[in-house]
Amino acid sequence: MNLGHLLGGLIIATMVMTGGCASAPRPARDVTGSYYPDWLATAPHAPVFEVRDTVNKYGRYARETKHIDLADLIRFHGHFCGGLVEAAVSLRVAFDALFPDGAIDRTDLRVASNNSACGGDVAAYLTGARARFGTHLIDPALTESEFVLQRVSTGATVRVRIRPETYPVDVRAQMRRIEAGHAEPEELERFQALQWEYARRLVSRPPLEAVMRVDAGPYAWPEPPCRDLGRRRDNDFRGAVPGGGEEPLP
């Protein structure tokens, strides 16, 4: 091998190692940094969700489930905050009631939530419900930490919300102060510190200590927030088996 061939090989190898071509290795999953405090990774009651979906657009149920944690929710929503953790803890209680065997069937749910940016995002991600298909409903009468979930196939419905004594009054007071015009950097930083401390308390104890199931009688589901754009079709064959019938879940 002459010197030219040797140098050429070294250049190609360097490109591969430094990301100069498509075969560069992917970076390891990052669950650290300012968006994900260290204490959250080791919190004893940080909720984790096991979800079941289909294998493709017209596929049957996947035999493998997926796990979703708070890091996934933060990436989807965009930031870590007390409202995100509050919603996750509340929905954990609702899922435990609707899916006592563990896996959450994201093909078989509808949810109603307040129009909170944080709570609404968490509800959509965890349930698989979509506003454009009429399965994620917006109800302004619900509080920011209140959700109504239903298993569509059975009609089983549960309503949950944060216990009144759980929500810290200092967080709400600081929120009102900022919205009244006191938005100096130190005010915003104080709000973040209060929210993070609230989130830390939520994941330091069992969800049922912070969340209550609400028995408010039959729930009047609101009208879908979007005009009728057609129903979702990609889950239509989730239980089908060749030759007809229903395929039992593993």
C-alpha atoms as a PDB file:
ATOM      1  CA  MET A   1       0.000   0.000   0.000  1.00  0.00           C
ATOM      2  CA  ASN A   2       1.493   3.368  -0.996  1.00  0.00           C
ATOM      3  CA  LEU A   3       1.460   6.510   1.172  1.00  0.00           C
ATOM      4  CA  GLY A   4      -1.481   8.037  -0.711  1.00  0.00           C
ATOM      5  CA  HIS A   5      -3.714   5.063  -0.047  1.00  0.00           C
ATOM      6  CA  LEU A   6      -2.670   5.005   3.611  1.00  0.00           C
ATOM      7  CA  LEU A   7      -3.465   8.705   4.109  1.00  0.00           C
ATOM      8  CA  GLY A   8      -6.786   8.309   2.341  1.00  0.00           C
ATOM      9  CA  GLY A   9      -7.764   5.488   4.668  1.00  0.00           C
ATOM     10  CA  LEU A  10      -6.812   7.524   7.714  1.00  0.00           C
ATOM     11  CA  ILE A  11      -8.923  10.486   6.529  1.00  0.00           C
ATOM     12  CA  ILE A  12     -11.990   8.288   5.988  1.00  0.00           C
ATOM     13  CA  ALA A  13     -11.567   6.658   9.389  1.00  0.00           C
ATOM     14  CA  THR A  14     -11.276  10.093  11.020  1.00  0.00           C
ATOM     15  CA  MET A  15     -14.445  11.299   9.289  1.00  0.00           C
ATOM     16  CA  VAL A  16     -16.354   8.293  10.596  1.00  0.00           C
ATOM     17  CA  MET A  17     -15.066   8.768  14.130  1.00  0.00           C
ATOM     18  CA  THR A  18     -15.836  12.511  14.210  1.00  0.00           C
ATOM     19  CA  GLY A  19     -19.267  12.415  12.629  1.00  0.00           C
ATOM     20  CA  GLY A  20     -18.165  13.249   9.097  1.00  0.00           C
ATOM     21  CA  CYS A  21     -20.539  10.689   7.629  1.00  0.00           C
ATOM     22  CA  ALA A  22     -23.887   9.082   8.381  1.00  0.00           C
ATOM     23  CA  SER A  23     -22.335   6.123  10.212  1.00  0.00           C
ATOM     24  CA  ALA A  24     -21.201   8.243  13.184  1.00  0.00           C
ATOM     25  CA  PRO A  25     -22.409   6.807  16.516  1.00  0.00           C
ATOM     26  CA  ARG A  26     -25.379   8.466  18.217  1.00  0.00           C
ATOM     27  CA  PRO A  27     -24.707  10.292  21.500  1.00  0.00           C
ATOM     28  CA  ALA A  28     -25.757   8.602  24.720  1.00  0.00           C
ATOM     29  CA  ARG A  29     -29.144   9.487  26.221  1.00  0.00           C
ATOM     30  CA  ASP A  30     -28.705  12.680  28.247  1.00  0.00           C
ATOM     31  CA  VAL A  31     -30.850  12.947  31.369  1.00  0.00           C
ATOM     32  CA  THR A  32     -28.809  15.575  33.154  1.00  0.00           C
ATOM     33  CA  GLY A  33     -28.462  19.300  32.904  1.00  0.00           C
ATOM     34  CA  SER A  34     -30.420  22.362  33.928  1.00  0.00           C
ATOM     35  CA  TYR A  35     -33.667  20.999  32.487  1.00  0.00           C
ATOM     36  CA  TYR A  36     -33.460  17.814  34.563  1.00  0.00           C
ATOM     37  CA  PRO A  37     -32.159  18.334  38.120  1.00  0.00           C
ATOM     38  CA  ASP A  38     -30.113  15.554  39.686  1.00  0.00           C
ATOM     39  CA  TRP A  39     -32.588  14.985  42.513  1.00  0.00           C
ATOM     40  CA  LEU A  40     -35.338  14.157  40.013  1.00  0.00           C
ATOM     41  CA  ALA A  41     -33.425  11.128  38.723  1.00  0.00           C
ATOM     42  CA  THR A  42     -33.328   9.592  42.193  1.00  0.00           C
ATOM     43  CA  ALA A  43     -36.704  10.741  43.544  1.00  0.00           C
ATOM     44  CA  PRO A  44     -38.437   7.756  45.191  1.00  0.00           C
ATOM     45  CA  HIS A  45     -41.874   8.446  43.712  1.00  0.00           C
ATOM     46  CA  ALA A  46     -41.124  10.023  40.329  1.00  0.00           C
ATOM     47  CA  PRO A  47     -43.790   8.420  38.116  1.00  0.00           C
ATOM     48  CA  VAL A  48     -42.864   6.051  35.308  1.00  0.00           C
ATOM     49  CA  PHE A  49     -45.461   4.925  32.786  1.00  0.00           C
ATOM     50  CA  GLU A  50     -45.664   1.659  30.841  1.00  0.00           C
ATOM     51  CA  VAL A  51     -47.637   2.200  27.629  1.00  0.00           C
ATOM     52  CA  ARG A  52     -48.925  -0.054  24.877  1.00  0.00           C
ATOM     53  CA  ASP A  53     -49.321   1.014  21.233  1.00  0.00           C
ATOM     54  CA  THR A  54     -49.617  -0.646  17.825  1.00  0.00           C
ATOM     55  CA  VAL A  55     -46.722  -1.802  15.671  1.00  0.00           C
ATOM     56  CA  ASN A  56     -47.517   0.335  12.617  1.00  0.00           C
ATOM     57  CA  LYS A  57     -50.222   2.436  10.944  1.00  0.00           C
ATOM     58  CA  TYR A  58     -52.546  -0.521  10.373  1.00  0.00           C
ATOM     59  CA  GLY A  59     -50.844  -2.824  12.800  1.00  0.00           C
ATOM     60  CA  ARG A  60     -51.987  -4.969  15.671  1.00  0.00           C
ATOM     61  CA  TYR A  61     -51.012  -4.407  19.273  1.00  0.00           C
ATOM     62  CA  ALA A  62     -47.273  -4.410  19.844  1.00  0.00           C
ATOM     63  CA  ARG A  63     -46.188  -7.188  22.167  1.00  0.00           C
ATOM     64  CA  GLU A  64     -43.558  -4.916  23.678  1.00  0.00           C
ATOM     65  CA  THR A  65     -44.481  -1.964  25.849  1.00  0.00           C
ATOM     66  CA  LYS A  66     -42.638   1.340  26.134  1.00  0.00           C
ATOM     67  CA  HIS A  67     -41.613   3.185  29.266  1.00  0.00           C
ATOM     68  CA  ILE A  68     -42.083   6.933  29.634  1.00  0.00           C
ATOM     69  CA  ASP A  69     -40.479   8.915  32.427  1.00  0.00           C
ATOM     70  CA  LEU A  70     -40.339  12.568  33.430  1.00  0.00           C
ATOM     71  CA  ALA A  71     -37.297  13.180  31.213  1.00  0.00           C
ATOM     72  CA  ASP A  72     -39.380  12.163  28.167  1.00  0.00           C
ATOM     73  CA  LEU A  73     -42.201  14.484  29.221  1.00  0.00           C
ATOM     74  CA  ILE A  74     -39.793  17.378  29.744  1.00  0.00           C
ATOM     75  CA  ARG A  75     -38.317  16.925  26.274  1.00  0.00           C
ATOM     76  CA  PHE A  76     -41.775  16.890  24.706  1.00  0.00           C
ATOM     77  CA  HIS A  77     -43.144  19.836  26.673  1.00  0.00           C
ATOM     78  CA  GLY A  78     -40.006  21.945  26.529  1.00  0.00           C
ATOM     79  CA  HIS A  79     -39.257  22.700  30.170  1.00  0.00           C
ATOM     80  CA  PHE A  80     -39.362  21.226  33.647  1.00  0.00           C
ATOM     81  CA  CYS A  81     -41.872  22.784  36.031  1.00  0.00           C
ATOM     82  CA  GLY A  82     -44.192  22.060  38.912  1.00  0.00           C
ATOM     83  CA  GLY A  83     -47.186  21.906  36.593  1.00  0.00           C
ATOM     84  CA  LEU A  84     -45.625  19.119  34.527  1.00  0.00           C
ATOM     85  CA  VAL A  85     -44.898  17.000  37.597  1.00  0.00           C
ATOM     86  CA  GLU A  86     -48.298  17.812  39.077  1.00  0.00           C
ATOM     87  CA  ALA A  87     -50.011  16.558  35.919  1.00  0.00           C
ATOM     88  CA  ALA A  88     -47.869  13.407  35.749  1.00  0.00           C
ATOM     89  CA  VAL A  89     -48.596  12.527  39.376  1.00  0.00           C
ATOM     90  CA  SER A  90     -52.330  13.159  38.913  1.00  0.00           C
ATOM     91  CA  LEU A  91     -52.487  11.018  35.790  1.00  0.00           C
ATOM     92  CA  ARG A  92     -50.529   8.254  37.527  1.00  0.00           C
ATOM     93  CA  VAL A  93     -53.434   7.903  39.978  1.00  0.00           C
ATOM     94  CA  ALA A  94     -55.975   7.866  37.129  1.00  0.00           C
ATOM     95  CA  PHE A  95     -54.051   5.237  35.154  1.00  0.00           C
ATOM     96  CA  ASP A  96     -53.717   3.018  38.214  1.00  0.00           C
ATOM     97  CA  ALA A  97     -57.512   3.042  38.492  1.00  0.00           C
ATOM     98  CA  LEU A  98     -58.187   2.362  34.798  1.00  0.00           C
ATOM     99  CA  PHE A  99     -55.326  -0.080  34.148  1.00  0.00           C
ATOM    100  CA  PRO A 100     -54.740  -2.053  37.353  1.00  0.00           C
ATOM    101  CA  ASP A 101     -52.650  -4.611  35.438  1.00  0.00           C
ATOM    102  CA  GLY A 102     -50.068  -1.969  34.606  1.00  0.00           C
ATOM    103  CA  ALA A 103     -49.794  -1.241  30.868  1.00  0.00           C
ATOM    104  CA  ILE A 104     -51.659   1.855  29.660  1.00  0.00           C
ATOM    105  CA  ASP A 105     -53.440   1.263  26.349  1.00  0.00           C
ATOM    106  CA  ARG A 106     -52.841   4.486  24.406  1.00  0.00           C
ATOM    107  CA  THR A 107     -55.149   3.335  21.610  1.00  0.00           C
ATOM    108  CA  ASP A 108     -58.203   3.281  23.892  1.00  0.00           C
ATOM    109  CA  LEU A 109     -58.333   6.571  25.792  1.00  0.00           C
ATOM    110  CA  ARG A 110     -59.914   9.963  25.745  1.00  0.00           C
ATOM    111  CA  VAL A 111     -59.115  12.731  28.200  1.00  0.00           C
ATOM    112  CA  ALA A 112     -60.458  16.098  29.250  1.00  0.00           C
ATOM    113  CA  SER A 113     -58.138  18.716  30.701  1.00  0.00           C
ATOM    114  CA  ASN A 114     -57.893  22.413  31.329  1.00  0.00           C
ATOM    115  CA  ASN A 115     -56.135  24.386  28.585  1.00  0.00           C
ATOM    116  CA  SER A 116     -52.985  24.548  30.692  1.00  0.00           C
ATOM    117  CA  ALA A 117     -49.901  24.349  28.494  1.00  0.00           C
ATOM    118  CA  CYS A 118     -48.143  22.030  30.934  1.00  0.00           C
ATOM    119  CA  GLY A 119     -51.017  19.772  31.992  1.00  0.00           C
ATOM    120  CA  GLY A 120     -52.470  19.569  28.490  1.00  0.00           C
ATOM    121  CA  ASP A 121     -49.151  18.486  26.986  1.00  0.00           C
ATOM    122  CA  VAL A 122     -48.632  15.805  29.616  1.00  0.00           C
ATOM    123  CA  ALA A 123     -52.185  14.503  29.095  1.00  0.00           C
ATOM    124  CA  ALA A 124     -51.742  14.295  25.315  1.00  0.00           C
ATOM    125  CA  TYR A 125     -48.360  12.557  25.513  1.00  0.00           C
ATOM    126  CA  LEU A 126     -49.317   9.956  28.093  1.00  0.00           C
ATOM    127  CA  THR A 127     -52.783   9.088  26.768  1.00  0.00           C
ATOM    128  CA  GLY A 128     -52.161   9.285  23.031  1.00  0.00           C
ATOM    129  CA  ALA A 129     -55.324  11.411  22.777  1.00  0.00           C
ATOM    130  CA  ARG A 130     -55.485  14.053  20.046  1.00  0.00           C
ATOM    131  CA  ALA A 131     -57.529  17.245  19.919  1.00  0.00           C
ATOM    132  CA  ARG A 132     -57.837  16.951  16.138  1.00  0.00           C
ATOM    133  CA  PHE A 133     -59.493  13.540  16.495  1.00  0.00           C
ATOM    134  CA  GLY A 134     -61.815  14.602  19.279  1.00  0.00           C
ATOM    135  CA  THR A 135     -60.193  12.490  21.987  1.00  0.00           C
ATOM    136  CA  HIS A 136     -58.443  15.310  23.865  1.00  0.00           C
ATOM    137  CA  LEU A 137     -61.195  17.616  25.085  1.00  0.00           C
ATOM    138  CA  ILE A 138     -60.640  21.043  26.644  1.00  0.00           C
ATOM    139  CA  ASP A 139     -62.827  21.917  29.616  1.00  0.00           C
ATOM    140  CA  PRO A 140     -62.190  25.378  31.146  1.00  0.00           C
ATOM    141  CA  ALA A 141     -64.213  24.322  34.208  1.00  0.00           C
ATOM    142  CA  LEU A 142     -61.460  21.882  35.197  1.00  0.00           C
ATOM    143  CA  THR A 143     -58.588  23.172  37.299  1.00  0.00           C
ATOM    144  CA  GLU A 144     -55.034  23.043  35.955  1.00  0.00           C
ATOM    145  CA  SER A 145     -54.391  19.866  37.908  1.00  0.00           C
ATOM    146  CA  GLU A 146     -57.699  18.126  37.146  1.00  0.00           C
ATOM    147  CA  PHE A 147     -58.256  15.436  34.505  1.00  0.00           C
ATOM    148  CA  VAL A 148     -61.067  13.159  33.368  1.00  0.00           C
ATOM    149  CA  LEU A 149     -59.947   9.928  31.677  1.00  0.00           C
ATOM    150  CA  GLN A 150     -62.049   7.287  29.983  1.00  0.00           C
ATOM    151  CA  ARG A 151     -61.312   3.874  28.503  1.00  0.00           C
ATOM    152  CA  VAL A 152     -63.364   4.191  25.338  1.00  0.00           C
ATOM    153  CA  SER A 153     -63.935   0.448  24.904  1.00  0.00           C
ATOM    154  CA  THR A 154     -65.462  -0.037  28.354  1.00  0.00           C
ATOM    155  CA  GLY A 155     -66.694   3.422  29.255  1.00  0.00           C
ATOM    156  CA  ALA A 156     -64.839   3.240  32.583  1.00  0.00           C
ATOM    157  CA  THR A 157     -64.148   6.819  33.657  1.00  0.00           C
ATOM    158  CA  VAL A 158     -62.093   8.374  36.430  1.00  0.00           C
ATOM    159  CA  ARG A 159     -61.640  11.989  37.501  1.00  0.00           C
ATOM    160  CA  VAL A 160     -58.615  13.140  39.486  1.00  0.00           C
ATOM    161  CA  ARG A 161     -57.148  16.358  40.816  1.00  0.00           C
ATOM    162  CA  ILE A 162     -54.504  17.606  43.206  1.00  0.00           C
ATOM    163  CA  ARG A 163     -55.708  17.780  46.776  1.00  0.00           C
ATOM    164  CA  PRO A 164     -56.419  21.407  47.760  1.00  0.00           C
ATOM    165  CA  GLU A 165     -54.064  21.179  50.723  1.00  0.00           C
ATOM    166  CA  THR A 166     -51.253  19.949  48.468  1.00  0.00           C
ATOM    167  CA  TYR A 167     -50.950  22.956  46.172  1.00  0.00           C
ATOM    168  CA  PRO A 168     -48.666  25.566  47.771  1.00  0.00           C
ATOM    169  CA  VAL A 169     -50.205  29.017  48.092  1.00  0.00           C
ATOM    170  CA  ASP A 170     -46.831  30.714  47.582  1.00  0.00           C
ATOM    171  CA  VAL A 171     -46.579  29.340  44.035  1.00  0.00           C
ATOM    172  CA  ARG A 172     -49.996  30.707  43.103  1.00  0.00           C
ATOM    173  CA  ALA A 173     -49.258  34.046  44.788  1.00  0.00           C
ATOM    174  CA  GLN A 174     -45.997  34.440  42.889  1.00  0.00           C
ATOM    175  CA  MET A 175     -47.725  33.514  39.632  1.00  0.00           C
ATOM    176  CA  ARG A 176     -50.286  36.258  40.168  1.00  0.00           C
ATOM    177  CA  ARG A 177     -47.547  38.733  41.044  1.00  0.00           C
ATOM    178  CA  ILE A 178     -45.737  38.049  37.771  1.00  0.00           C
ATOM    179  CA  GLU A 179     -48.925  38.214  35.709  1.00  0.00           C
ATOM    180  CA  ALA A 180     -49.710  41.568  37.356  1.00  0.00           C
ATOM    181  CA  GLY A 181     -46.538  43.001  35.833  1.00  0.00           C
ATOM    182  CA  HIS A 182     -43.757  42.174  38.303  1.00  0.00           C
ATOM    183  CA  ALA A 183     -41.662  40.218  35.825  1.00  0.00           C
ATOM    184  CA  GLU A 184     -38.174  41.277  36.840  1.00  0.00           C
ATOM    185  CA  PRO A 185     -35.540  38.524  36.569  1.00  0.00           C
ATOM    186  CA  GLU A 186     -35.438  37.970  40.321  1.00  0.00           C
ATOM    187  CA  GLU A 187     -39.224  37.520  40.401  1.00  0.00           C
ATOM    188  CA  LEU A 188     -39.053  34.916  37.628  1.00  0.00           C
ATOM    189  CA  GLU A 189     -36.207  33.110  39.358  1.00  0.00           C
ATOM    190  CA  ARG A 190     -38.164  33.047  42.615  1.00  0.00           C
ATOM    191  CA  PHE A 191     -41.118  31.521  40.791  1.00  0.00           C
ATOM    192  CA  GLN A 192     -38.922  28.776  39.335  1.00  0.00           C
ATOM    193  CA  ALA A 193     -37.421  28.023  42.737  1.00  0.00           C
ATOM    194  CA  LEU A 194     -40.877  27.747  44.320  1.00  0.00           C
ATOM    195  CA  GLN A 195     -42.141  25.496  41.512  1.00  0.00           C
ATOM    196  CA  TRP A 196     -39.126  23.216  41.660  1.00  0.00           C
ATOM    197  CA  GLU A 197     -39.483  22.860  45.417  1.00  0.00           C
ATOM    198  CA  TYR A 198     -43.146  21.972  44.914  1.00  0.00           C
ATOM    199  CA  ALA A 199     -42.198  19.372  42.297  1.00  0.00           C
ATOM    200  CA  ARG A 200     -39.596  17.938  44.655  1.00  0.00           C
ATOM    201  CA  ARG A 201     -42.205  17.434  47.345  1.00  0.00           C
ATOM    202  CA  LEU A 202     -44.575  15.761  44.879  1.00  0.00           C
ATOM    203  CA  VAL A 203     -42.060  13.105  43.855  1.00  0.00           C
ATOM    204  CA  SER A 204     -40.976  12.481  47.424  1.00  0.00           C
ATOM    205  CA  ARG A 205     -44.212  10.790  48.489  1.00  0.00           C
ATOM    206  CA  PRO A 206     -46.756   8.343  47.036  1.00  0.00           C
ATOM    207  CA  PRO A 207     -49.097   9.929  44.459  1.00  0.00           C
ATOM    208  CA  LEU A 208     -52.238   9.145  46.462  1.00  0.00           C
ATOM    209  CA  GLU A 209     -51.018  11.433  49.233  1.00  0.00           C
ATOM    210  CA  ALA A 210     -51.135  14.375  46.812  1.00  0.00           C
ATOM    211  CA  VAL A 211     -53.960  13.393  44.452  1.00  0.00           C
ATOM    212  CA  MET A 212     -57.615  12.600  45.036  1.00  0.00           C
ATOM    213  CA  ARG A 213     -60.205  10.821  42.927  1.00  0.00           C
ATOM    214  CA  VAL A 214     -63.271  12.991  42.446  1.00  0.00           C
ATOM    215  CA  ASP A 215     -66.768  11.520  42.627  1.00  0.00           C
ATOM    216  CA  ALA A 216     -68.731  14.226  40.838  1.00  0.00           C
ATOM    217  CA  GLY A 217     -71.324  12.045  39.126  1.00  0.00           C
ATOM    218  CA  PRO A 218     -71.544  11.519  35.354  1.00  0.00           C
ATOM    219  CA  TYR A 219     -69.198  13.792  33.444  1.00  0.00           C
ATOM    220  CA  ALA A 220     -70.579  15.927  30.602  1.00  0.00           C
ATOM    221  CA  TRP A 221     -67.857  15.713  27.967  1.00  0.00           C
ATOM    222  CA  PRO A 222     -67.354  19.035  26.170  1.00  0.00           C
ATOM    223  CA  GLU A 223     -67.544  19.448  22.430  1.00  0.00           C
ATOM    224  CA  PRO A 224     -64.289  18.731  20.565  1.00  0.00           C
ATOM    225  CA  PRO A 225     -62.090  21.842  20.246  1.00  0.00           C
ATOM    226  CA  CYS A 226     -61.512  21.222  16.524  1.00  0.00           C
ATOM    227  CA  ARG A 227     -64.062  20.985  13.740  1.00  0.00           C
ATOM    228  CA  ASP A 228     -64.767  17.483  12.476  1.00  0.00           C
ATOM    229  CA  LEU A 229     -61.640  16.525  10.553  1.00  0.00           C
ATOM    230  CA  GLY A 230     -62.431  12.817  10.399  1.00  0.00           C
ATOM    231  CA  ARG A 231     -61.772  10.075  12.890  1.00  0.00           C
ATOM    232  CA  ARG A 232     -58.496   8.379  13.633  1.00  0.00           C
ATOM    233  CA  ARG A 233     -57.974   5.152  11.614  1.00  0.00           C
ATOM    234  CA  ASP A 234     -54.477   3.926  12.469  1.00  0.00           C
ATOM    235  CA  ASN A 235     -55.647   1.878  15.471  1.00  0.00           C
ATOM    236  CA  ASP A 236     -58.574   0.176  13.749  1.00  0.00           C
ATOM    237  CA  PHE A 237     -56.852  -3.213  13.439  1.00  0.00           C
ATOM    238  CA  ARG A 238     -55.120  -3.379  16.813  1.00  0.00           C
ATOM    239  CA  GLY A 239     -57.003  -6.506  17.898  1.00  0.00           C
ATOM    240  CA  ALA A 240     -57.317  -8.248  14.542  1.00  0.00           C
ATOM    241  CA  VAL A 241     -55.818 -11.654  13.774  1.00  0.00           C
ATOM    242  CA  PRO A 242     -55.519 -13.450  10.429  1.00  0.00           C
ATOM    243  CA  GLY A 243     -58.817 -15.136   9.665  1.00  0.00           C
ATOM    244  CA  GLY A 244     -60.826 -12.855  11.949  1.00  0.00           C
ATOM    245  CA  GLY A 245     -61.339 -12.788  15.675  1.00  0.00           C
ATOM    246  CA  GLU A 246     -59.482 -10.982  18.405  1.00  0.00           C
ATOM    247  CA  GLU A 247     -55.867 -11.474  19.378  1.00  0.00           C
ATOM    248  CA  PRO A 248     -55.331 -11.756  23.139  1.00  0.00           C
ATOM    249  CA  LEU A 249     -52.745  -9.433  24.555  1.00  0.00           C
ATOM    250  CA  PRO A 250     -49.529 -11.089  25.748  1.00  0.00           C
END
